[in-house]
Structures are given as C-alpha cells and as structure tokens.
Amino acid sequence: MFNDYDMLEEYDLSKGVGGKYSERYQEGTNVAVIYPDIVEFFPDHDSANEALRSLTKIMKKQSRKLAKQNS
C-alpha cells in the first residue's frame, strides 16, 4: 500500500505527465520477466523483441521443414 511517507523528499515528480501510457495500457499489456543471468543480453524491450522475432522465424522454418518431411 502506498502512503505519503513512502515518498522521499528528494523525489521530484513536478515534470511528470499524468496518463502518459494509459491509452497503451488499455490496449492490453504483456509482461515478461527476464532472469538476471540473461538480462545483460536483453537490456530493453526492443532487444528482447528482436531476439524473439528471430527465434520465431527459425521455429516457423523448422515447422515447415518437418511438415514437408512428414507428408
């Protein structure tokens, strides 16, 4: 629970923008927790998404290859 004494005096929120991400949040959110042993490779959401897109391309190719072999 948040209360006033959780905020330190040195926190300056005077330049904060209320509702900045509310529209994006309403569209839906997905949160993935990146474990400490790999966080150095994925320092932000862009790097994680790029890696996952590359992985899905590989998975799709493998899936097509297996489907072709099984037909």
C-alpha atoms as a PDB file:
ATOM      1  CA  MET A   1       0.000   0.000   0.000  1.00  0.00           C
ATOM      2  CA  PHE A   2       1.347   3.414  -0.909  1.00  0.00           C
ATOM      3  CA  ASN A   3       1.254   6.278   1.532  1.00  0.00           C
ATOM      4  CA  ASP A   4       2.890   9.695   1.809  1.00  0.00           C
ATOM      5  CA  TYR A   5       5.801   8.569   3.954  1.00  0.00           C
ATOM      6  CA  ASP A   6       6.896   6.114   1.235  1.00  0.00           C
ATOM      7  CA  MET A   7       7.908   9.133  -0.889  1.00  0.00           C
ATOM      8  CA  LEU A   8      11.263  10.697  -0.127  1.00  0.00           C
ATOM      9  CA  GLU A   9      11.551  14.482  -0.206  1.00  0.00           C
ATOM     10  CA  GLU A  10      14.159  14.344  -2.987  1.00  0.00           C
ATOM     11  CA  TYR A  11      11.689  12.765  -5.440  1.00  0.00           C
ATOM     12  CA  ASP A  12      10.647  15.444  -7.913  1.00  0.00           C
ATOM     13  CA  LEU A  13       7.534  14.484  -9.836  1.00  0.00           C
ATOM     14  CA  SER A  14       6.679  18.035 -10.860  1.00  0.00           C
ATOM     15  CA  LYS A  15       7.506  17.337 -14.512  1.00  0.00           C
ATOM     16  CA  GLY A  16       5.579  14.079 -14.646  1.00  0.00           C
ATOM     17  CA  VAL A  17       2.820  13.600 -17.196  1.00  0.00           C
ATOM     18  CA  GLY A  18      -0.408  12.083 -15.916  1.00  0.00           C
ATOM     19  CA  GLY A  19      -1.920   9.344 -18.052  1.00  0.00           C
ATOM     20  CA  LYS A  20       1.049   9.208 -20.421  1.00  0.00           C
ATOM     21  CA  TYR A  21       0.694   5.457 -21.005  1.00  0.00           C
ATOM     22  CA  SER A  22      -2.999   4.983 -20.236  1.00  0.00           C
ATOM     23  CA  GLU A  23      -4.011   4.521 -23.882  1.00  0.00           C
ATOM     24  CA  ARG A  24      -1.338   1.884 -24.455  1.00  0.00           C
ATOM     25  CA  TYR A  25      -2.307   0.145 -21.208  1.00  0.00           C
ATOM     26  CA  GLN A  26      -5.956  -0.027 -22.247  1.00  0.00           C
ATOM     27  CA  GLU A  27      -4.928  -1.824 -25.453  1.00  0.00           C
ATOM     28  CA  GLY A  28      -3.574  -4.631 -23.292  1.00  0.00           C
ATOM     29  CA  THR A  29      -0.282  -5.401 -21.665  1.00  0.00           C
ATOM     30  CA  ASN A  30       2.135  -8.310 -21.731  1.00  0.00           C
ATOM     31  CA  VAL A  31       4.884  -8.524 -19.181  1.00  0.00           C
ATOM     32  CA  ALA A  32       7.793 -10.940 -19.369  1.00  0.00           C
ATOM     33  CA  VAL A  33      10.244 -11.285 -16.509  1.00  0.00           C
ATOM     34  CA  ILE A  34      13.824 -11.650 -17.715  1.00  0.00           C
ATOM     35  CA  TYR A  35      16.028 -13.549 -15.298  1.00  0.00           C
ATOM     36  CA  PRO A  36      19.267 -11.943 -14.075  1.00  0.00           C
ATOM     37  CA  ASP A  37      21.522 -14.430 -15.875  1.00  0.00           C
ATOM     38  CA  ILE A  38      20.307 -13.234 -19.303  1.00  0.00           C
ATOM     39  CA  VAL A  39      19.282  -9.632 -18.631  1.00  0.00           C
ATOM     40  CA  GLU A  40      22.701  -8.407 -19.804  1.00  0.00           C
ATOM     41  CA  PHE A  41      21.812  -9.663 -23.294  1.00  0.00           C
ATOM     42  CA  PHE A  42      18.370  -8.039 -23.275  1.00  0.00           C
ATOM     43  CA  PRO A  43      18.722  -4.649 -21.593  1.00  0.00           C
ATOM     44  CA  ASP A  44      15.444  -3.306 -23.023  1.00  0.00           C
ATOM     45  CA  HIS A  45      12.206  -4.421 -24.643  1.00  0.00           C
ATOM     46  CA  ASP A  46      13.476  -3.775 -28.176  1.00  0.00           C
ATOM     47  CA  SER A  47      16.387  -6.195 -27.840  1.00  0.00           C
ATOM     48  CA  ALA A  48      14.163  -8.871 -26.306  1.00  0.00           C
ATOM     49  CA  ASN A  49      11.544  -8.481 -29.048  1.00  0.00           C
ATOM     50  CA  GLU A  50      14.183  -8.612 -31.786  1.00  0.00           C
ATOM     51  CA  ALA A  51      15.580 -11.852 -30.383  1.00  0.00           C
ATOM     52  CA  LEU A  52      12.118 -13.389 -30.048  1.00  0.00           C
ATOM     53  CA  ARG A  53      11.227 -12.449 -33.629  1.00  0.00           C
ATOM     54  CA  SER A  54      14.407 -14.129 -34.852  1.00  0.00           C
ATOM     55  CA  LEU A  55      13.556 -17.218 -32.843  1.00  0.00           C
ATOM     56  CA  THR A  56      10.023 -17.395 -34.223  1.00  0.00           C
ATOM     57  CA  LYS A  57      11.392 -17.243 -37.798  1.00  0.00           C
ATOM     58  CA  ILE A  58      13.610 -20.237 -37.029  1.00  0.00           C
ATOM     59  CA  MET A  59      10.697 -22.087 -35.417  1.00  0.00           C
ATOM     60  CA  LYS A  60       8.458 -21.473 -38.434  1.00  0.00           C
ATOM     61  CA  LYS A  61      11.140 -22.755 -40.831  1.00  0.00           C
ATOM     62  CA  GLN A  62      11.630 -25.874 -38.717  1.00  0.00           C
ATOM     63  CA  SER A  63       7.888 -26.450 -38.562  1.00  0.00           C
ATOM     64  CA  ARG A  64       7.540 -26.192 -42.350  1.00  0.00           C
ATOM     65  CA  LYS A  65      10.534 -28.491 -42.821  1.00  0.00           C
ATOM     66  CA  LEU A  66       9.054 -31.130 -40.505  1.00  0.00           C
ATOM     67  CA  ALA A  67       5.637 -30.863 -42.158  1.00  0.00           C
ATOM     68  CA  LYS A  68       7.252 -31.366 -45.555  1.00  0.00           C
ATOM     69  CA  GLN A  69       9.155 -34.442 -44.329  1.00  0.00           C
ATOM     70  CA  ASN A  70       6.012 -35.959 -42.817  1.00  0.00           C
ATOM     71  CA  SER A  71       3.856 -35.571 -45.939  1.00  0.00           C
END
